[in-house]
Amino acid sequence: MRAAVFHEVGKRLSIERVLDPVVDAGQVIIEVAEAGICGSDLHITEYGLVPGGTILGHEFAGTVVALGANVAPEWNIGDRVTALPFHACRRCDACEVGLPALCSSVLFTGTRDHPGAYAEYVGARAGMLQRLPAGVTFSEGAMVEPLAVAHHAVEMAKVGRDDAVLIMGAGPIGAAAAMFARSFGARHVIVSEPSAERRALALELGATAVIDPISENAASRFAELAGMRPQVVLECVGKPGLVQQAVELAGIRARIVIAGVCFSEDRFKPMTALSKEVSIQFAQCYTEQNFDAVIDAIAFGKVNPKPMHSRTISLWALPEEFEGLRSDPSACKILIDPRLT
């Protein structure tokens, strides 16, 4: 099959012929219809956190083309699916309480652990499959994974009716968090984002207002818009200094959820948080229930993530588009269709 292969830091992904994935007893093989480029893929290739030969890609949807011997009879060749990108043990403490992302021996698709979906085919654990209803497109199915990250963060923040929510960042996770915060009933969903294009997207997805943190004071502008300080702060960027900034912006006893993935060390002043009695929660990935909820929300028209889809490209175009995102992150979600020539 064809796949985009990472070899070393500073070099573009390479489109190569590689061996097709072999189906294991508890797995299925999926023909990839669409796969998403994730910001974490940019980070791990920038810092060399995966070895040469890695096939990236953990956001995907497609059609089941092969079944392992132990796959449950509910799954058939031809099923339209997406999947959580985990290969979890199902035995540890985390797995027993439904948190495969926190499994003590988890293998993650699209890393050194398991070849990913920047390819024509990808293997997935049958227990992690999620069926796509007829009304959910492959494009939407490929966005379920990042949408589930946002859904999990909003859920962990206990966003509810009449909340005043500040979202830091309007990349794919922040933009989707704005969409879900509104669907959860928040009265004010205000997004702080320096990119004009991303601010516009956040408004399209349901944000009640946006702030340009470059030209505006985020704290005073939020208070002006909402009449109060944030009751909930979602940090969806993942850069050093933003945990402290989230605490500084938060109101008394606010709920802060850190969904941004920061790969470097950070500094934090506990006294700032102590003086407000804020709660700080880190959110790692999602659960199977988040995937279910996102798929249902799309299928029943409760949310519309289509504005997040910037464009679809071929596998051949991926190396150039991938590098372009490092310097121009204005696109929200670029999807790859390996079937395109």
Protein backbone atom coordinates (compact mmCIF):
# COMPACT_ATOMS: atom_id res chain seq x y z
CA MET A 1 0.00 0.00 0.00
CA ARG A 2 0.97 3.66 -0.22
CA ALA A 3 1.71 5.55 2.98
CA ALA A 4 3.30 8.78 4.16
CA VAL A 5 6.38 7.87 6.21
CA PHE A 6 8.28 10.04 8.71
CA HIS A 7 12.06 9.54 8.61
CA GLU A 8 13.75 12.31 10.59
CA VAL A 9 13.36 15.81 11.98
CA GLY A 10 13.71 18.47 9.31
CA LYS A 11 12.73 16.20 6.42
CA ARG A 12 9.35 16.04 4.74
CA LEU A 13 7.14 13.00 4.98
CA SER A 14 7.86 10.56 2.17
CA ILE A 15 5.19 8.80 0.10
CA GLU A 16 6.31 5.18 -0.17
CA ARG A 17 5.15 1.66 -0.87
CA VAL A 18 4.98 -0.27 2.40
CA LEU A 19 3.59 -3.63 3.47
CA ASP A 20 -0.17 -3.84 3.98
CA PRO A 21 -1.18 -4.22 7.65
CA VAL A 22 -1.74 -7.81 8.78
CA VAL A 23 -4.98 -8.49 10.62
CA ASP A 24 -4.52 -9.86 14.14
CA ALA A 25 -7.11 -11.98 15.92
CA GLY A 26 -8.81 -9.11 17.74
CA GLN A 27 -8.37 -6.46 15.08
CA VAL A 28 -9.86 -5.29 11.81
CA ILE A 29 -8.30 -3.68 8.75
CA ILE A 30 -9.91 -0.46 7.56
CA GLU A 31 -9.60 1.01 4.08
CA VAL A 32 -9.01 4.67 4.91
CA ALA A 33 -11.56 6.99 3.31
CA GLU A 34 -10.39 10.13 5.08
CA ALA A 35 -7.80 10.92 7.75
CA GLY A 36 -7.13 14.17 9.57
CA ILE A 37 -3.88 16.04 10.10
CA CYS A 38 -3.51 16.64 13.84
CA GLY A 39 -1.42 19.34 15.47
CA SER A 40 0.16 16.72 17.72
CA ASP A 41 1.60 15.05 14.60
CA LEU A 42 3.34 18.33 13.80
CA HIS A 43 4.71 18.52 17.34
CA ILE A 44 6.00 14.95 17.60
CA THR A 45 7.80 15.22 14.26
CA GLU A 46 9.24 18.61 15.20
CA TYR A 47 10.70 17.28 18.45
CA GLY A 48 11.63 13.83 17.12
CA LEU A 49 9.33 12.01 19.53
CA VAL A 50 8.72 9.16 17.07
CA PRO A 51 11.37 7.07 15.31
CA GLY A 52 12.14 7.01 11.61
CA GLY A 53 9.76 4.76 9.71
CA THR A 54 6.67 5.88 11.64
CA ILE A 55 3.37 6.18 9.76
CA LEU A 56 1.40 8.93 11.49
CA GLY A 57 -2.35 9.48 11.61
CA HIS A 58 -4.84 8.74 14.39
CA GLU A 59 -7.94 10.58 13.12
CA PHE A 60 -9.66 8.47 10.48
CA ALA A 61 -12.78 6.90 9.04
CA GLY A 62 -13.26 4.25 6.42
CA THR A 63 -14.61 0.82 5.52
CA VAL A 64 -13.82 -2.51 7.18
CA VAL A 65 -12.10 -4.79 4.64
CA ALA A 66 -10.74 -7.60 6.85
CA LEU A 67 -11.74 -9.17 10.17
CA GLY A 68 -9.58 -10.97 12.72
CA ALA A 69 -10.57 -14.43 13.91
CA ASN A 70 -11.80 -13.21 17.32
CA VAL A 71 -13.76 -10.17 16.16
CA ALA A 72 -17.34 -10.07 17.46
CA PRO A 73 -20.05 -11.06 14.93
CA GLU A 74 -21.60 -7.57 15.12
CA TRP A 75 -18.87 -6.37 12.74
CA ASN A 76 -18.84 -7.17 9.04
CA ILE A 77 -16.77 -6.41 5.97
CA GLY A 78 -18.19 -3.26 4.41
CA ASP A 79 -19.11 -1.56 7.70
CA ARG A 80 -18.49 2.20 7.77
CA VAL A 81 -16.50 3.01 10.90
CA THR A 82 -14.18 5.23 12.82
CA ALA A 83 -12.19 4.04 15.84
CA LEU A 84 -10.49 5.18 18.99
CA PRO A 85 -6.76 4.96 18.18
CA PHE A 86 -5.96 2.86 21.25
CA HIS A 87 -4.75 -0.70 21.60
CA ALA A 88 -5.47 -1.04 25.33
CA CYS A 89 -5.02 -4.06 27.60
CA ARG A 90 -8.63 -4.04 28.95
CA ARG A 91 -7.30 -5.36 32.28
CA CYS A 92 -5.58 -2.51 34.17
CA ASP A 93 -7.24 -0.09 36.60
CA ALA A 94 -7.77 2.56 33.91
CA CYS A 95 -9.29 0.12 31.43
CA GLU A 96 -11.63 -1.33 34.06
CA VAL A 97 -13.18 2.10 34.62
CA GLY A 98 -13.51 2.87 30.91
CA LEU A 99 -10.41 5.03 30.42
CA PRO A 100 -8.41 3.30 27.66
CA ALA A 101 -6.41 6.49 27.02
CA LEU A 102 -4.87 6.06 30.48
CA CYS A 103 -4.13 2.33 30.08
CA SER A 104 -0.80 1.41 31.68
CA SER A 105 0.30 -0.44 28.53
CA VAL A 106 -1.66 1.38 25.83
CA LEU A 107 -0.41 1.37 22.26
CA PHE A 108 -1.40 4.41 20.22
CA THR A 109 -2.12 4.30 16.49
CA GLY A 110 0.04 6.64 14.46
CA THR A 111 3.10 6.58 16.73
CA ARG A 112 6.05 4.27 17.30
CA ASP A 113 3.50 1.80 18.72
CA HIS A 114 1.31 1.13 15.71
CA PRO A 115 1.18 2.32 12.06
CA GLY A 116 -1.34 5.08 11.49
CA ALA A 117 -3.84 6.27 8.92
CA TYR A 118 -1.66 8.40 6.65
CA ALA A 119 -2.00 5.37 4.41
CA GLU A 120 -4.43 3.41 2.29
CA TYR A 121 -5.16 0.94 5.11
CA VAL A 122 -4.93 0.99 8.90
CA GLY A 123 -5.41 -1.64 11.59
CA ALA A 124 -7.73 -0.99 14.54
CA ARG A 125 -8.68 -2.85 17.69
CA ALA A 126 -12.18 -4.26 17.15
CA GLY A 127 -13.17 -3.23 20.66
CA MET A 128 -12.41 0.39 19.78
CA LEU A 129 -14.59 0.54 16.63
CA GLN A 130 -17.44 3.01 16.34
CA ARG A 131 -20.08 2.55 13.66
CA LEU A 132 -20.93 5.55 11.47
CA PRO A 133 -24.69 6.03 10.90
CA ALA A 134 -25.86 6.52 7.33
CA GLY A 135 -26.22 10.28 7.82
CA VAL A 136 -22.64 10.79 9.00
CA THR A 137 -20.13 11.28 6.19
CA PHE A 138 -16.58 9.95 6.11
CA SER A 139 -15.36 13.54 6.46
CA GLU A 140 -17.35 13.95 9.64
CA GLY A 141 -16.27 10.50 10.79
CA ALA A 142 -12.61 11.45 10.40
CA MET A 143 -13.22 14.48 12.63
CA VAL A 144 -14.86 12.49 15.43
CA GLU A 145 -11.52 11.96 17.20
CA PRO A 146 -10.60 15.65 17.65
CA LEU A 147 -14.25 16.47 18.34
CA ALA A 148 -14.20 13.85 21.11
CA VAL A 149 -11.17 15.57 22.67
CA ALA A 150 -13.16 18.80 22.87
CA HIS A 151 -16.30 17.03 24.09
CA HIS A 152 -14.29 15.34 26.86
CA ALA A 153 -12.80 18.68 27.97
CA VAL A 154 -16.20 20.41 28.06
CA GLU A 155 -17.67 17.44 29.93
CA MET A 156 -14.84 17.44 32.49
CA ALA A 157 -15.36 21.17 33.02
CA LYS A 158 -18.99 20.41 33.91
CA VAL A 159 -20.17 23.14 31.58
CA GLY A 160 -23.86 23.75 32.08
CA ARG A 161 -26.73 26.16 31.66
CA ASP A 162 -25.89 29.84 32.16
CA ASP A 163 -22.12 29.28 32.57
CA ALA A 164 -19.70 31.96 31.41
CA VAL A 165 -16.95 30.09 29.55
CA LEU A 166 -13.59 31.36 28.30
CA ILE A 167 -11.85 29.23 25.68
CA MET A 168 -8.18 29.92 25.03
CA GLY A 169 -7.38 29.09 21.41
CA ALA A 170 -9.57 28.36 18.39
CA GLY A 171 -7.63 25.61 16.70
CA PRO A 172 -9.57 22.40 16.05
CA ILE A 173 -9.96 21.58 19.75
CA GLY A 174 -10.81 25.09 20.92
CA ALA A 175 -13.23 25.70 18.05
CA ALA A 176 -14.98 22.39 18.73
CA ALA A 177 -15.04 23.16 22.45
CA ALA A 178 -16.94 26.37 21.67
CA MET A 179 -19.47 24.34 19.69
CA PHE A 180 -19.99 21.82 22.49
CA ALA A 181 -20.03 24.43 25.27
CA ARG A 182 -22.97 26.08 23.55
CA SER A 183 -24.70 22.74 23.04
CA PHE A 184 -24.22 22.04 26.77
CA GLY A 185 -26.17 25.22 27.54
CA ALA A 186 -23.50 27.81 28.40
CA ARG A 187 -24.81 31.39 28.20
CA HIS A 188 -21.48 33.01 27.32
CA VAL A 189 -18.89 31.18 25.22
CA ILE A 190 -16.08 33.63 24.57
CA VAL A 191 -13.02 32.55 22.60
CA SER A 192 -9.61 34.23 22.84
CA GLU A 193 -7.64 33.68 19.62
CA PRO A 194 -5.08 35.87 17.76
CA SER A 195 -5.99 34.58 14.26
CA ALA A 196 -8.84 36.48 12.59
CA GLU A 197 -9.74 33.41 10.50
CA ARG A 198 -9.98 31.23 13.57
CA ARG A 199 -12.01 33.81 15.47
CA ALA A 200 -14.49 33.84 12.59
CA LEU A 201 -14.68 30.04 12.67
CA ALA A 202 -15.35 30.06 16.42
CA LEU A 203 -18.28 32.41 15.88
CA GLU A 204 -19.61 30.21 13.08
CA LEU A 205 -19.51 27.21 15.40
CA GLY A 206 -21.45 28.92 18.16
CA ALA A 207 -19.16 31.18 20.20
CA THR A 208 -21.11 34.16 21.51
CA ALA A 209 -18.11 36.49 21.21
CA VAL A 210 -14.40 36.47 20.46
CA ILE A 211 -11.36 38.31 21.80
CA ASP A 212 -8.14 39.21 20.00
CA PRO A 213 -5.56 38.77 22.80
CA ILE A 214 -2.99 40.74 20.80
CA SER A 215 -4.98 43.97 20.62
CA GLU A 216 -7.38 43.53 23.56
CA ASN A 217 -7.00 42.86 27.27
CA ALA A 218 -8.62 39.45 27.62
CA ALA A 219 -9.63 39.87 31.28
CA SER A 220 -11.31 43.25 30.93
CA ARG A 221 -12.89 42.40 27.57
CA PHE A 222 -14.39 39.17 28.95
CA ALA A 223 -15.84 41.05 31.93
CA GLU A 224 -17.29 43.64 29.57
CA LEU A 225 -18.92 40.97 27.40
CA ALA A 226 -20.15 38.61 30.12
CA GLY A 227 -20.57 40.96 33.07
CA MET A 228 -18.38 38.70 35.19
CA ARG A 229 -15.12 36.78 35.21
CA PRO A 230 -15.03 33.28 33.69
CA GLN A 231 -16.65 30.47 35.63
CA VAL A 232 -14.99 27.98 33.29
CA VAL A 233 -11.68 28.30 31.44
CA LEU A 234 -10.63 25.79 28.78
CA GLU A 235 -6.97 26.00 27.75
CA CYS A 236 -6.81 24.50 24.25
CA VAL A 237 -3.41 25.65 22.96
CA GLY A 238 -0.69 23.80 24.86
CA LYS A 239 2.13 26.34 25.14
CA PRO A 240 4.26 27.24 28.18
CA GLY A 241 2.76 29.98 30.32
CA LEU A 242 -0.86 29.33 29.43
CA VAL A 243 -1.75 27.33 32.55
CA GLN A 244 -0.69 30.31 34.64
CA GLN A 245 -2.55 32.66 32.30
CA ALA A 246 -5.69 30.55 32.60
CA VAL A 247 -5.50 30.80 36.38
CA GLU A 248 -5.00 34.57 36.22
CA LEU A 249 -8.03 34.99 33.95
CA ALA A 250 -10.31 32.68 35.93
CA GLY A 251 -12.92 33.88 38.39
CA ILE A 252 -13.38 32.82 42.01
CA ARG A 253 -13.74 29.03 42.31
CA ALA A 254 -13.66 28.71 38.54
CA ARG A 255 -13.23 25.34 36.87
CA ILE A 256 -10.12 25.21 34.68
CA VAL A 257 -9.54 22.35 32.25
CA ILE A 258 -6.23 21.97 30.45
CA ALA A 259 -6.80 20.26 27.10
CA GLY A 260 -3.82 21.73 25.24
CA VAL A 261 -0.87 19.36 24.88
CA CYS A 262 2.38 21.04 25.94
CA PHE A 263 5.55 19.06 25.23
CA SER A 264 7.92 21.32 27.18
CA GLU A 265 8.34 22.27 30.83
CA ASP A 266 6.14 25.01 32.24
CA ARG A 267 6.15 27.33 35.25
CA PHE A 268 3.15 27.87 37.47
CA LYS A 269 2.45 29.99 40.59
CA PRO A 270 0.24 27.96 42.94
CA MET A 271 -0.53 31.00 45.11
CA THR A 272 -2.50 32.59 42.26
CA ALA A 273 -4.75 29.53 42.09
CA LEU A 274 -4.91 29.22 45.87
CA SER A 275 -6.10 32.80 46.28
CA LYS A 276 -9.15 32.05 44.12
CA GLU A 277 -9.74 28.41 45.12
CA VAL A 278 -9.88 27.43 41.46
CA SER A 279 -10.07 23.79 40.39
CA ILE A 280 -7.56 22.67 37.76
CA GLN A 281 -8.23 19.50 35.78
CA PHE A 282 -6.13 18.03 32.99
CA ALA A 283 -8.03 16.27 30.20
CA GLN A 284 -6.32 13.45 28.30
CA CYS A 285 -7.97 12.40 25.05
CA TYR A 286 -11.48 10.95 25.59
CA THR A 287 -13.53 7.88 26.40
CA GLU A 288 -15.64 5.59 24.23
CA GLN A 289 -18.67 7.45 25.57
CA ASN A 290 -17.30 10.71 24.17
CA PHE A 291 -17.02 9.10 20.72
CA ASP A 292 -20.60 7.82 21.03
CA ALA A 293 -21.87 11.24 22.10
CA VAL A 294 -20.09 13.06 19.27
CA ILE A 295 -21.37 10.66 16.60
CA ASP A 296 -24.91 10.94 17.96
CA ALA A 297 -24.70 14.74 18.11
CA ILE A 298 -23.68 14.87 14.45
CA ALA A 299 -26.23 12.25 13.35
CA PHE A 300 -29.13 14.03 15.07
CA GLY A 301 -28.07 17.51 13.98
CA LYS A 302 -27.28 18.78 17.47
CA VAL A 303 -23.91 20.09 16.24
CA ASN A 304 -22.52 20.85 12.80
CA PRO A 305 -18.73 20.46 12.55
CA LYS A 306 -18.60 20.94 8.76
CA PRO A 307 -17.20 24.50 8.98
CA MET A 308 -14.09 23.00 10.60
CA HIS A 309 -13.29 21.05 7.42
CA SER A 310 -10.89 23.30 5.52
CA ARG A 311 -10.19 21.05 2.53
CA THR A 312 -9.47 17.48 1.43
CA ILE A 313 -6.16 16.56 -0.19
CA SER A 314 -4.58 13.49 -1.74
CA LEU A 315 -1.89 11.43 -0.04
CA TRP A 316 0.55 12.77 -2.64
CA ALA A 317 -0.13 16.34 -1.52
CA LEU A 318 0.33 15.52 2.17
CA PRO A 319 4.10 16.19 2.57
CA GLU A 320 3.81 19.77 1.33
CA GLU A 321 0.55 20.50 3.16
CA PHE A 322 1.94 19.00 6.37
CA GLU A 323 4.97 21.29 6.36
CA GLY A 324 2.85 24.26 5.37
CA LEU A 325 0.83 23.92 8.56
CA ARG A 326 3.96 24.60 10.62
CA SER A 327 4.15 28.18 9.35
CA ASP A 328 0.51 28.83 8.45
CA PRO A 329 -1.90 27.22 10.92
CA SER A 330 -4.93 29.17 9.65
CA ALA A 331 -6.57 26.01 8.26
CA CYS A 332 -8.64 24.24 10.90
CA LYS A 333 -8.87 20.64 9.70
CA ILE A 334 -7.25 19.31 6.54
CA LEU A 335 -8.38 15.80 5.62
CA ILE A 336 -6.49 13.29 3.49
CA ASP A 337 -8.27 10.97 1.07
CA PRO A 338 -5.78 8.23 0.07
CA ARG A 339 -8.13 7.18 -2.75
CA LEU A 340 -7.47 10.43 -4.63
CA THR A 341 -4.82 10.36 -7.34
